[in-house]
């Protein structure tokens, strides 16, 4: 009985192993290559798959998701014979598991070497300054070459990025000095432009201020002249309306004489010839006032108005 039990146990183990090898579960976004006696048979997709145990074998399991592979810095010589170190990052995706398995031995190593050689070809036709400022152009050219070369390997290169472009230390120092000199130059230019603009604005402001001040003074003078003219017109109209005689005018003329003499600069002033007529008129007015005061007591010629005063014709005021 013991040999029979041992045989049964061996059969159960073989059946269990056969079931394990028969049922293959492939995760999502993955694929598996099946070979039968060393020859490619089919590609297993995601899900539950059945294979022939001990005859079919799983050659390779491939991740179909997009992969990111950074490559170490590579020394590249530019057109002006300067060595720069360039770090690259490749974003790729396997689209054909069979081609990725049988068309190339190691597609990661193949992509890295292809990237290095393509970079040397592209950078070799550019000088350092263009290399530092043409990342998008380099990325596009590198991606085009890689995508075309890796298509037959069942790989699609989605993106190529240059992480860093590092020139030699001496070149970096020279570039920093040049950039510092350029910044100082731009700062000096901006300062000069600011000073010039400020001077222009100040001159424009002074010009506008003088123009406005002159216009204000002109308007003020015009308004003063208009006010004086209006005052003269008002006085003239008041004189006409009040029917003033020569006596009143003489009195006003005498009142204005002290004002004419005011001021430290008036060392010499000329008495006009009309001052005599004004005094005569004023003395006549005072005499008439005295006659009026004494005549009421009985000493004057109240009956004859022509004996005590001189009769004058009222001046006409146009």
C-alpha atoms as a PDB file:
ATOM      1  CA  UNK A   1       0.000   0.000   0.000  1.00  0.00           C
ATOM      2  CA  UNK A   2       2.768   2.444   0.681  1.00  0.00           C
ATOM      3  CA  UNK A   3       4.080   2.524  -2.925  1.00  0.00           C
ATOM      4  CA  UNK A   4       0.523   3.174  -4.155  1.00  0.00           C
ATOM      5  CA  UNK A   5       0.145   6.080  -1.752  1.00  0.00           C
ATOM      6  CA  UNK A   6       3.460   7.517  -2.812  1.00  0.00           C
ATOM      7  CA  UNK A   7       2.462   7.289  -6.483  1.00  0.00           C
ATOM      8  CA  UNK A   8      -0.870   8.956  -5.762  1.00  0.00           C
ATOM      9  CA  UNK A   9       0.847  11.745  -3.895  1.00  0.00           C
ATOM     10  CA  UNK A  10       3.240  12.263  -6.805  1.00  0.00           C
ATOM     11  CA  UNK A  11       0.338  12.332  -9.258  1.00  0.00           C
ATOM     12  CA  UNK A  12      -1.533  14.884  -7.155  1.00  0.00           C
ATOM     13  CA  UNK A  13       1.549  17.084  -7.002  1.00  0.00           C
ATOM     14  CA  UNK A  14       2.045  16.769 -10.763  1.00  0.00           C
ATOM     15  CA  UNK A  15      -1.583  17.651 -11.401  1.00  0.00           C
ATOM     16  CA  UNK A  16      -1.304  20.663  -9.096  1.00  0.00           C
ATOM     17  CA  UNK A  17       1.864  21.851 -10.844  1.00  0.00           C
ATOM     18  CA  UNK A  18       0.219  21.311 -14.239  1.00  0.00           C
ATOM     19  CA  UNK A  19      -2.774  23.394 -13.181  1.00  0.00           C
ATOM     20  CA  UNK A  20      -0.487  26.158 -12.008  1.00  0.00           C
ATOM     21  CA  UNK A  21       1.368  26.120 -15.297  1.00  0.00           C
ATOM     22  CA  UNK A  22      -1.846  25.873 -17.286  1.00  0.00           C
ATOM     23  CA  UNK A  23      -3.540  28.914 -15.789  1.00  0.00           C
ATOM     24  CA  UNK A  24      -1.670  32.184 -16.360  1.00  0.00           C
ATOM     25  CA  UNK A  25      -2.991  35.469 -14.987  1.00  0.00           C
ATOM     26  CA  UNK A  26      -1.611  38.562 -16.729  1.00  0.00           C
ATOM     27  CA  UNK A  27      -2.008  41.912 -14.938  1.00  0.00           C
ATOM     28  CA  UNK A  28      -3.572  44.926 -16.622  1.00  0.00           C
ATOM     29  CA  UNK A  29      -1.293  46.927 -18.959  1.00  0.00           C
ATOM     30  CA  UNK A  30       1.036  43.967 -19.279  1.00  0.00           C
ATOM     31  CA  UNK A  31       1.747  41.271 -21.864  1.00  0.00           C
ATOM     32  CA  UNK A  32       3.538  37.932 -21.886  1.00  0.00           C
ATOM     33  CA  UNK A  33       5.367  36.117 -24.695  1.00  0.00           C
ATOM     34  CA  UNK A  34       4.599  32.386 -25.014  1.00  0.00           C
ATOM     35  CA  UNK A  35       7.086  30.003 -26.659  1.00  0.00           C
ATOM     36  CA  UNK A  36       6.541  26.373 -27.545  1.00  0.00           C
ATOM     37  CA  UNK A  37       9.720  24.374 -27.747  1.00  0.00           C
ATOM     38  CA  UNK A  38      11.656  27.646 -28.041  1.00  0.00           C
ATOM     39  CA  UNK A  39       9.551  29.113 -30.817  1.00  0.00           C
ATOM     40  CA  UNK A  40       7.210  32.096 -30.494  1.00  0.00           C
ATOM     41  CA  UNK A  41       3.593  30.996 -30.305  1.00  0.00           C
ATOM     42  CA  UNK A  42       1.462  33.899 -29.123  1.00  0.00           C
ATOM     43  CA  UNK A  43       1.223  36.924 -26.865  1.00  0.00           C
ATOM     44  CA  UNK A  44      -0.864  36.720 -23.728  1.00  0.00           C
ATOM     45  CA  UNK A  45      -2.909  39.790 -22.939  1.00  0.00           C
ATOM     46  CA  UNK A  46      -4.265  40.977 -19.566  1.00  0.00           C
ATOM     47  CA  UNK A  47      -6.602  38.544 -17.827  1.00  0.00           C
ATOM     48  CA  UNK A  48      -6.886  34.766 -17.388  1.00  0.00           C
ATOM     49  CA  UNK A  49      -5.060  32.699 -20.024  1.00  0.00           C
ATOM     50  CA  UNK A  50      -4.688  28.948 -20.582  1.00  0.00           C
ATOM     51  CA  UNK A  51      -1.441  27.439 -21.847  1.00  0.00           C
ATOM     52  CA  UNK A  52      -0.230  23.877 -22.376  1.00  0.00           C
ATOM     53  CA  UNK A  53       1.814  22.903 -19.317  1.00  0.00           C
ATOM     54  CA  UNK A  54       5.371  21.679 -19.753  1.00  0.00           C
ATOM     55  CA  UNK A  55       5.158  22.549 -23.453  1.00  0.00           C
ATOM     56  CA  UNK A  56       4.367  26.271 -23.515  1.00  0.00           C
ATOM     57  CA  UNK A  57       6.675  28.524 -21.514  1.00  0.00           C
ATOM     58  CA  UNK A  58       6.487  32.200 -20.644  1.00  0.00           C
ATOM     59  CA  UNK A  59       9.488  33.875 -22.278  1.00  0.00           C
ATOM     60  CA  UNK A  60       9.065  37.454 -21.135  1.00  0.00           C
ATOM     61  CA  UNK A  61       6.597  39.663 -19.280  1.00  0.00           C
ATOM     62  CA  UNK A  62       6.528  43.230 -20.566  1.00  0.00           C
ATOM     63  CA  UNK A  63       5.020  46.310 -18.973  1.00  0.00           C
ATOM     64  CA  UNK A  64       2.959  48.223 -21.541  1.00  0.00           C
ATOM     65  CA  UNK A  65       2.730  51.420 -19.499  1.00  0.00           C
ATOM     66  CA  UNK A  66       4.734  54.528 -20.357  1.00  0.00           C
ATOM     67  CA  UNK A  67       8.200  54.299 -18.877  1.00  0.00           C
ATOM     68  CA  UNK A  68      10.604  57.031 -17.770  1.00  0.00           C
ATOM     69  CA  UNK A  69      14.312  56.325 -18.122  1.00  0.00           C
ATOM     70  CA  UNK A  70      16.950  58.909 -17.086  1.00  0.00           C
ATOM     71  CA  UNK A  71      20.342  58.545 -18.703  1.00  0.00           C
ATOM     72  CA  UNK A  72      23.587  59.652 -17.031  1.00  0.00           C
ATOM     73  CA  UNK A  73      25.376  62.792 -18.286  1.00  0.00           C
ATOM     74  CA  UNK A  74      27.032  62.333 -21.635  1.00  0.00           C
ATOM     75  CA  UNK A  75      29.995  64.451 -22.835  1.00  0.00           C
ATOM     76  CA  UNK A  76      29.218  66.073 -26.173  1.00  0.00           C
ATOM     77  CA  UNK A  77      31.453  68.360 -28.263  1.00  0.00           C
ATOM     78  CA  UNK A  78      29.891  71.461 -29.767  1.00  0.00           C
ATOM     79  CA  UNK A  79      30.742  73.070 -33.095  1.00  0.00           C
ATOM     80  CA  UNK A  80      33.145  75.504 -31.415  1.00  0.00           C
ATOM     81  CA  UNK A  81      35.063  72.594 -29.786  1.00  0.00           C
ATOM     82  CA  UNK A  82      33.658  72.896 -26.272  1.00  0.00           C
ATOM     83  CA  UNK A  83      32.721  69.842 -24.232  1.00  0.00           C
ATOM     84  CA  UNK A  84      29.335  69.981 -22.514  1.00  0.00           C
ATOM     85  CA  UNK A  85      27.657  67.356 -20.344  1.00  0.00           C
ATOM     86  CA  UNK A  86      24.014  66.695 -21.195  1.00  0.00           C
ATOM     87  CA  UNK A  87      21.497  64.792 -19.035  1.00  0.00           C
ATOM     88  CA  UNK A  88      18.566  63.287 -20.915  1.00  0.00           C
ATOM     89  CA  UNK A  89      15.253  61.729 -19.925  1.00  0.00           C
ATOM     90  CA  UNK A  90      13.342  59.449 -22.292  1.00  0.00           C
ATOM     91  CA  UNK A  91       9.601  58.745 -22.056  1.00  0.00           C
ATOM     92  CA  UNK A  92       8.790  55.620 -24.044  1.00  0.00           C
ATOM     93  CA  UNK A  93       6.073  52.992 -24.290  1.00  0.00           C
ATOM     94  CA  UNK A  94       6.118  49.406 -25.619  1.00  0.00           C
ATOM     95  CA  UNK A  95       3.450  48.999 -28.301  1.00  0.00           C
ATOM     96  CA  UNK A  96       4.429  45.546 -29.601  1.00  0.00           C
ATOM     97  CA  UNK A  97       5.621  43.045 -27.015  1.00  0.00           C
ATOM     98  CA  UNK A  98       6.764  40.525 -29.659  1.00  0.00           C
ATOM     99  CA  UNK A  99       8.969  43.072 -31.496  1.00  0.00           C
ATOM    100  CA  UNK A 100      10.385  44.406 -28.220  1.00  0.00           C
ATOM    101  CA  UNK A 101      11.382  40.833 -27.323  1.00  0.00           C
ATOM    102  CA  UNK A 102      12.767  39.493 -30.600  1.00  0.00           C
ATOM    103  CA  UNK A 103      13.833  42.549 -32.641  1.00  0.00           C
ATOM    104  CA  UNK A 104      16.388  43.883 -30.172  1.00  0.00           C
ATOM    105  CA  UNK A 105      18.333  42.234 -27.381  1.00  0.00           C
ATOM    106  CA  UNK A 106      17.944  45.071 -24.829  1.00  0.00           C
ATOM    107  CA  UNK A 107      15.810  47.978 -25.958  1.00  0.00           C
ATOM    108  CA  UNK A 108      16.771  50.116 -22.930  1.00  0.00           C
ATOM    109  CA  UNK A 109      20.470  49.903 -23.760  1.00  0.00           C
ATOM    110  CA  UNK A 110      19.720  50.371 -27.448  1.00  0.00           C
ATOM    111  CA  UNK A 111      17.713  53.556 -26.749  1.00  0.00           C
ATOM    112  CA  UNK A 112      20.503  54.915 -24.529  1.00  0.00           C
ATOM    113  CA  UNK A 113      23.191  54.395 -27.129  1.00  0.00           C
ATOM    114  CA  UNK A 114      20.994  55.764 -29.883  1.00  0.00           C
ATOM    115  CA  UNK A 115      20.308  58.837 -27.749  1.00  0.00           C
ATOM    116  CA  UNK A 116      24.017  59.456 -27.180  1.00  0.00           C
ATOM    117  CA  UNK A 117      24.953  59.167 -30.861  1.00  0.00           C
ATOM    118  CA  UNK A 118      22.025  61.319 -31.964  1.00  0.00           C
ATOM    119  CA  UNK A 119      22.897  63.984 -29.399  1.00  0.00           C
ATOM    120  CA  UNK A 120      26.470  64.108 -30.641  1.00  0.00           C
ATOM    121  CA  UNK A 121      25.268  64.551 -34.214  1.00  0.00           C
ATOM    122  CA  UNK A 122      22.832  67.322 -33.288  1.00  0.00           C
ATOM    123  CA  UNK A 123      25.079  69.229 -30.859  1.00  0.00           C
ATOM    124  CA  UNK A 124      28.051  68.876 -33.219  1.00  0.00           C
ATOM    125  CA  UNK A 125      26.323  71.229 -35.629  1.00  0.00           C
ATOM    126  CA  UNK A 126      25.611  73.927 -33.001  1.00  0.00           C
ATOM    127  CA  UNK A 127      27.823  76.321 -31.116  1.00  0.00           C
ATOM    128  CA  UNK A 128      27.618  76.657 -27.341  1.00  0.00           C
ATOM    129  CA  UNK A 129      25.316  79.652 -27.295  1.00  0.00           C
ATOM    130  CA  UNK A 130      22.830  78.029 -29.649  1.00  0.00           C
ATOM    131  CA  UNK A 131      23.037  74.778 -27.693  1.00  0.00           C
ATOM    132  CA  UNK A 132      22.100  76.550 -24.462  1.00  0.00           C
ATOM    133  CA  UNK A 133      19.156  78.373 -26.064  1.00  0.00           C
ATOM    134  CA  UNK A 134      17.745  75.676 -28.364  1.00  0.00           C
ATOM    135  CA  UNK A 135      16.465  72.980 -26.028  1.00  0.00           C
ATOM    136  CA  UNK A 136      13.130  72.676 -27.790  1.00  0.00           C
ATOM    137  CA  UNK A 137      14.833  72.292 -31.143  1.00  0.00           C
ATOM    138  CA  UNK A 138      17.195  69.620 -29.762  1.00  0.00           C
ATOM    139  CA  UNK A 139      14.308  67.766 -28.101  1.00  0.00           C
ATOM    140  CA  UNK A 140      12.266  67.732 -31.306  1.00  0.00           C
ATOM    141  CA  UNK A 141      15.180  66.533 -33.452  1.00  0.00           C
ATOM    142  CA  UNK A 142      16.155  63.856 -30.923  1.00  0.00           C
ATOM    143  CA  UNK A 143      12.594  62.591 -30.578  1.00  0.00           C
ATOM    144  CA  UNK A 144      12.158  62.361 -34.352  1.00  0.00           C
ATOM    145  CA  UNK A 145      15.295  60.236 -34.781  1.00  0.00           C
ATOM    146  CA  UNK A 146      14.501  57.975 -31.809  1.00  0.00           C
ATOM    147  CA  UNK A 147      10.882  57.467 -32.775  1.00  0.00           C
ATOM    148  CA  UNK A 148      11.850  56.461 -36.296  1.00  0.00           C
ATOM    149  CA  UNK A 149      14.580  54.072 -35.146  1.00  0.00           C
ATOM    150  CA  UNK A 150      12.610  52.436 -32.328  1.00  0.00           C
ATOM    151  CA  UNK A 151       9.437  51.920 -34.343  1.00  0.00           C
ATOM    152  CA  UNK A 152      10.617  48.547 -35.672  1.00  0.00           C
ATOM    153  CA  UNK A 153      11.431  47.505 -32.093  1.00  0.00           C
ATOM    154  CA  UNK A 154       7.786  47.919 -31.072  1.00  0.00           C
ATOM    155  CA  UNK A 155       8.586  51.009 -28.984  1.00  0.00           C
ATOM    156  CA  UNK A 156       7.166  54.520 -29.282  1.00  0.00           C
ATOM    157  CA  UNK A 157       9.199  57.408 -27.894  1.00  0.00           C
ATOM    158  CA  UNK A 158       6.692  59.946 -26.576  1.00  0.00           C
ATOM    159  CA  UNK A 159       8.981  62.631 -25.204  1.00  0.00           C
ATOM    160  CA  UNK A 160      12.645  63.484 -24.910  1.00  0.00           C
ATOM    161  CA  UNK A 161      13.785  66.074 -22.358  1.00  0.00           C
ATOM    162  CA  UNK A 162      17.196  67.573 -21.674  1.00  0.00           C
ATOM    163  CA  UNK A 163      17.494  67.886 -17.902  1.00  0.00           C
ATOM    164  CA  UNK A 164      20.721  69.852 -17.868  1.00  0.00           C
ATOM    165  CA  UNK A 165      23.363  71.220 -20.203  1.00  0.00           C
ATOM    166  CA  UNK A 166      26.548  71.891 -18.253  1.00  0.00           C
ATOM    167  CA  UNK A 167      29.406  73.699 -20.018  1.00  0.00           C
ATOM    168  CA  UNK A 168      32.960  73.655 -18.593  1.00  0.00           C
ATOM    169  CA  UNK A 169      33.675  75.565 -15.393  1.00  0.00           C
ATOM    170  CA  UNK A 170      35.844  78.177 -17.134  1.00  0.00           C
ATOM    171  CA  UNK A 171      33.094  78.809 -19.670  1.00  0.00           C
ATOM    172  CA  UNK A 172      30.546  79.132 -16.872  1.00  0.00           C
ATOM    173  CA  UNK A 173      32.721  81.767 -15.156  1.00  0.00           C
ATOM    174  CA  UNK A 174      33.108  83.682 -18.421  1.00  0.00           C
ATOM    175  CA  UNK A 175      29.374  83.501 -19.053  1.00  0.00           C
ATOM    176  CA  UNK A 176      28.609  84.758 -15.552  1.00  0.00           C
ATOM    177  CA  UNK A 177      30.987  87.705 -16.035  1.00  0.00           C
ATOM    178  CA  UNK A 178      29.441  88.485 -19.401  1.00  0.00           C
ATOM    179  CA  UNK A 179      25.931  88.270 -17.980  1.00  0.00           C
ATOM    180  CA  UNK A 180      26.941  90.504 -15.075  1.00  0.00           C
ATOM    181  CA  UNK A 181      28.444  93.048 -17.488  1.00  0.00           C
ATOM    182  CA  UNK A 182      25.293  92.949 -19.624  1.00  0.00           C
ATOM    183  CA  UNK A 183      23.106  93.495 -16.568  1.00  0.00           C
ATOM    184  CA  UNK A 184      25.263  96.430 -15.428  1.00  0.00           C
ATOM    185  CA  UNK A 185      25.107  97.884 -18.932  1.00  0.00           C
ATOM    186  CA  UNK A 186      21.324  97.557 -19.077  1.00  0.00           C
ATOM    187  CA  UNK A 187      21.042  99.090 -15.610  1.00  0.00           C
ATOM    188  CA  UNK A 188      23.203 102.071 -16.651  1.00  0.00           C
ATOM    189  CA  UNK A 189      21.159 102.512 -19.823  1.00  0.00           C
ATOM    190  CA  UNK A 190      17.900 102.362 -17.892  1.00  0.00           C
ATOM    191  CA  UNK A 191      19.222 104.848 -15.333  1.00  0.00           C
ATOM    192  CA  UNK A 192      20.286 107.259 -18.094  1.00  0.00           C
ATOM    193  CA  UNK A 193      16.948 106.868 -19.825  1.00  0.00           C
ATOM    194  CA  UNK A 194      15.148 107.512 -16.560  1.00  0.00           C
ATOM    195  CA  UNK A 195      17.209 110.643 -15.875  1.00  0.00           C
ATOM    196  CA  UNK A 196      16.628 111.882 -19.416  1.00  0.00           C
ATOM    197  CA  UNK A 197      12.904 111.226 -19.205  1.00  0.00           C
ATOM    198  CA  UNK A 198      12.722 112.940 -15.816  1.00  0.00           C
ATOM    199  CA  UNK A 199      14.517 116.015 -17.209  1.00  0.00           C
ATOM    200  CA  UNK A 200      12.171 116.095 -20.196  1.00  0.00           C
ATOM    201  CA  UNK A 201       9.132 115.808 -17.970  1.00  0.00           C
ATOM    202  CA  UNK A 202      10.483 118.501 -15.636  1.00  0.00           C
ATOM    203  CA  UNK A 203      11.089 120.865 -18.569  1.00  0.00           C
ATOM    204  CA  UNK A 204       7.655 120.119 -19.958  1.00  0.00           C
ATOM    205  CA  UNK A 205       6.153 120.773 -16.553  1.00  0.00           C
ATOM    206  CA  UNK A 206       7.968 124.092 -16.199  1.00  0.00           C
ATOM    207  CA  UNK A 207       6.920 125.066 -19.708  1.00  0.00           C
ATOM    208  CA  UNK A 208       3.303 124.254 -19.022  1.00  0.00           C
ATOM    209  CA  UNK A 209       3.534 126.044 -15.676  1.00  0.00           C
ATOM    210  CA  UNK A 210       4.916 129.199 -17.313  1.00  0.00           C
ATOM    211  CA  UNK A 211       2.294 129.057 -20.036  1.00  0.00           C
ATOM    212  CA  UNK A 212      -0.487 128.644 -17.496  1.00  0.00           C
ATOM    213  CA  UNK A 213       0.987 131.393 -15.301  1.00  0.00           C
ATOM    214  CA  UNK A 214       1.213 133.770 -18.292  1.00  0.00           C
ATOM    215  CA  UNK A 215      -2.321 132.908 -19.312  1.00  0.00           C
ATOM    216  CA  UNK A 216      -3.484 133.490 -15.754  1.00  0.00           C
ATOM    217  CA  UNK A 217      -1.710 136.843 -15.551  1.00  0.00           C
ATOM    218  CA  UNK A 218      -3.133 137.879 -18.913  1.00  0.00           C
ATOM    219  CA  UNK A 219      -6.622 136.923 -17.834  1.00  0.00           C
ATOM    220  CA  UNK A 220      -6.127 138.701 -14.500  1.00  0.00           C
ATOM    221  CA  UNK A 221      -4.891 141.860 -16.250  1.00  0.00           C
ATOM    222  CA  UNK A 222      -7.825 141.705 -18.638  1.00  0.00           C
ATOM    223  CA  UNK A 223     -10.210 141.269 -15.735  1.00  0.00           C
ATOM    224  CA  UNK A 224      -8.566 144.163 -13.836  1.00  0.00           C
ATOM    225  CA  UNK A 225      -8.750 146.389 -16.892  1.00  0.00           C
ATOM    226  CA  UNK A 226     -12.342 145.410 -17.417  1.00  0.00           C
ATOM    227  CA  UNK A 227     -13.076 146.138 -13.729  1.00  0.00           C
ATOM    228  CA  UNK A 228     -11.381 149.511 -13.894  1.00  0.00           C
ATOM    229  CA  UNK A 229     -13.244 150.342 -17.076  1.00  0.00           C
ATOM    230  CA  UNK A 230     -16.469 149.295 -15.409  1.00  0.00           C
ATOM    231  CA  UNK A 231     -15.600 151.400 -12.360  1.00  0.00           C
ATOM    232  CA  UNK A 232     -14.851 154.441 -14.538  1.00  0.00           C
ATOM    233  CA  UNK A 233     -18.039 153.843 -16.461  1.00  0.00           C
ATOM    234  CA  UNK A 234     -19.998 153.567 -13.212  1.00  0.00           C
ATOM    235  CA  UNK A 235     -18.460 156.771 -11.833  1.00  0.00           C
ATOM    236  CA  UNK A 236     -19.068 158.575 -15.089  1.00  0.00           C
ATOM    237  CA  UNK A 237     -22.682 157.440 -15.147  1.00  0.00           C
ATOM    238  CA  UNK A 238     -23.074 158.430 -11.472  1.00  0.00           C
ATOM    239  CA  UNK A 239     -21.692 161.907 -12.231  1.00  0.00           C
ATOM    240  CA  UNK A 240     -24.093 162.313 -15.090  1.00  0.00           C
ATOM    241  CA  UNK A 241     -26.956 160.999 -13.014  1.00  0.00           C
ATOM    242  CA  UNK A 242     -26.053 163.222 -10.040  1.00  0.00           C
ATOM    243  CA  UNK A 243     -25.552 166.362 -12.214  1.00  0.00           C
ATOM    244  CA  UNK A 244     -22.353 167.318 -10.311  1.00  0.00           C
ATOM    245  CA  UNK A 245     -21.109 170.957 -10.661  1.00  0.00           C
ATOM    246  CA  UNK A 246     -17.613 172.387 -10.790  1.00  0.00           C
ATOM    247  CA  UNK A 247     -17.439 172.905  -7.039  1.00  0.00           C
ATOM    248  CA  UNK A 248     -17.900 169.237  -6.216  1.00  0.00           C
ATOM    249  CA  UNK A 249     -15.358 168.249  -8.834  1.00  0.00           C
ATOM    250  CA  UNK A 250     -12.873 170.771  -7.404  1.00  0.00           C
ATOM    251  CA  UNK A 251     -13.318 169.365  -3.927  1.00  0.00           C
ATOM    252  CA  UNK A 252     -12.735 165.803  -5.116  1.00  0.00           C
ATOM    253  CA  UNK A 253      -9.655 166.931  -6.998  1.00  0.00           C
ATOM    254  CA  UNK A 254      -8.177 168.427  -3.821  1.00  0.00           C
ATOM    255  CA  UNK A 255      -8.856 165.194  -1.917  1.00  0.00           C
ATOM    256  CA  UNK A 256      -6.844 163.208  -4.479  1.00  0.00           C
ATOM    257  CA  UNK A 257      -3.730 165.417  -4.210  1.00  0.00           C
ATOM    258  CA  UNK A 258      -2.402 163.780  -0.958  1.00  0.00           C
ATOM    259  CA  UNK A 259      -2.726 160.353  -2.545  1.00  0.00           C
ATOM    260  CA  UNK A 260      -0.698 161.500  -5.511  1.00  0.00           C
ATOM    261  CA  UNK A 261       2.078 162.626  -3.156  1.00  0.00           C
ATOM    262  CA  UNK A 262       2.205 159.328  -1.231  1.00  0.00           C
ATOM    263  CA  UNK A 263       5.144 156.946  -1.595  1.00  0.00           C
ATOM    264  CA  UNK A 264       8.897 157.123  -1.001  1.00  0.00           C
ATOM    265  CA  UNK A 265       9.614 157.368  -4.718  1.00  0.00           C
ATOM    266  CA  UNK A 266       7.609 160.571  -5.131  1.00  0.00           C
ATOM    267  CA  UNK A 267      10.462 163.000  -4.481  1.00  0.00           C
ATOM    268  CA  UNK A 268       9.178 165.490  -7.037  1.00  0.00           C
ATOM    269  CA  UNK A 269       5.657 165.930  -8.303  1.00  0.00           C
ATOM    270  CA  UNK A 270       4.178 168.579 -10.567  1.00  0.00           C
ATOM    271  CA  UNK A 271       1.084 170.593  -9.699  1.00  0.00           C
ATOM    272  CA  UNK A 272      -1.144 170.680 -12.752  1.00  0.00           C
ATOM    273  CA  UNK A 273      -2.430 173.980 -14.120  1.00  0.00           C
ATOM    274  CA  UNK A 274      -5.972 173.018 -13.269  1.00  0.00           C
ATOM    275  CA  UNK A 275      -5.196 173.375  -9.538  1.00  0.00           C
ATOM    276  CA  UNK A 276      -5.908 177.123  -9.741  1.00  0.00           C
ATOM    277  CA  UNK A 277      -9.352 176.621 -11.205  1.00  0.00           C
ATOM    278  CA  UNK A 278     -10.011 174.016  -8.520  1.00  0.00           C
ATOM    279  CA  UNK A 279      -9.005 176.395  -5.743  1.00  0.00           C
ATOM    280  CA  UNK A 280     -11.082 179.175  -7.226  1.00  0.00           C
ATOM    281  CA  UNK A 281     -14.065 176.939  -7.396  1.00  0.00           C
ATOM    282  CA  UNK A 282     -13.524 175.760  -3.849  1.00  0.00           C
ATOM    283  CA  UNK A 283     -13.060 179.346  -2.523  1.00  0.00           C
ATOM    284  CA  UNK A 284     -16.198 180.411  -4.315  1.00  0.00           C
ATOM    285  CA  UNK A 285     -18.048 177.533  -2.702  1.00  0.00           C
ATOM    286  CA  UNK A 286     -16.773 178.513   0.751  1.00  0.00           C
ATOM    287  CA  UNK A 287     -17.706 182.197   0.149  1.00  0.00           C
ATOM    288  CA  UNK A 288     -21.206 181.287  -0.819  1.00  0.00           C
ATOM    289  CA  UNK A 289     -21.476 179.182   2.311  1.00  0.00           C
ATOM    290  CA  UNK A 290     -20.373 182.203   4.405  1.00  0.00           C
ATOM    291  CA  UNK A 291     -22.810 184.566   2.657  1.00  0.00           C
ATOM    292  CA  UNK A 292     -25.622 182.181   3.322  1.00  0.00           C
ATOM    293  CA  UNK A 293     -24.731 182.119   6.998  1.00  0.00           C
ATOM    294  CA  UNK A 294     -24.390 185.953   7.345  1.00  0.00           C
ATOM    295  CA  UNK A 295     -27.309 186.948   5.081  1.00  0.00           C
ATOM    296  CA  UNK A 296     -29.797 185.428   7.380  1.00  0.00           C
ATOM    297  CA  UNK A 297     -28.742 188.074   9.994  1.00  0.00           C
ATOM    298  CA  UNK A 298     -29.365 191.034   7.661  1.00  0.00           C
ATOM    299  CA  UNK A 299     -25.948 192.091   6.363  1.00  0.00           C
ATOM    300  CA  UNK A 300     -25.937 190.917   2.707  1.00  0.00           C
ATOM    301  CA  UNK A 301     -27.511 191.643  -0.589  1.00  0.00           C
ATOM    302  CA  UNK A 302     -30.091 188.956  -0.374  1.00  0.00           C
ATOM    303  CA  UNK A 303     -32.174 190.604  -3.003  1.00  0.00           C
ATOM    304  CA  UNK A 304     -29.485 190.547  -5.683  1.00  0.00           C
ATOM    305  CA  UNK A 305     -27.836 187.179  -6.155  1.00  0.00           C
ATOM    306  CA  UNK A 306     -25.211 188.475  -8.618  1.00  0.00           C
ATOM    307  CA  UNK A 307     -23.447 190.924  -6.254  1.00  0.00           C
ATOM    308  CA  UNK A 308     -21.732 188.395  -3.872  1.00  0.00           C
ATOM    309  CA  UNK A 309     -20.861 185.377  -6.122  1.00  0.00           C
ATOM    310  CA  UNK A 310     -19.544 184.904  -9.558  1.00  0.00           C
ATOM    311  CA  UNK A 311     -21.850 183.189 -11.837  1.00  0.00           C
ATOM    312  CA  UNK A 312     -20.293 180.292 -13.694  1.00  0.00           C
ATOM    313  CA  UNK A 313     -21.628 178.095 -16.363  1.00  0.00           C
ATOM    314  CA  UNK A 314     -22.002 174.495 -15.389  1.00  0.00           C
ATOM    315  CA  UNK A 315     -19.392 172.455 -17.191  1.00  0.00           C
ATOM    316  CA  UNK A 316     -20.712 169.914 -19.577  1.00  0.00           C
ATOM    317  CA  UNK A 317     -19.672 166.329 -18.966  1.00  0.00           C
ATOM    318  CA  UNK A 318     -19.815 164.128 -21.950  1.00  0.00           C
END
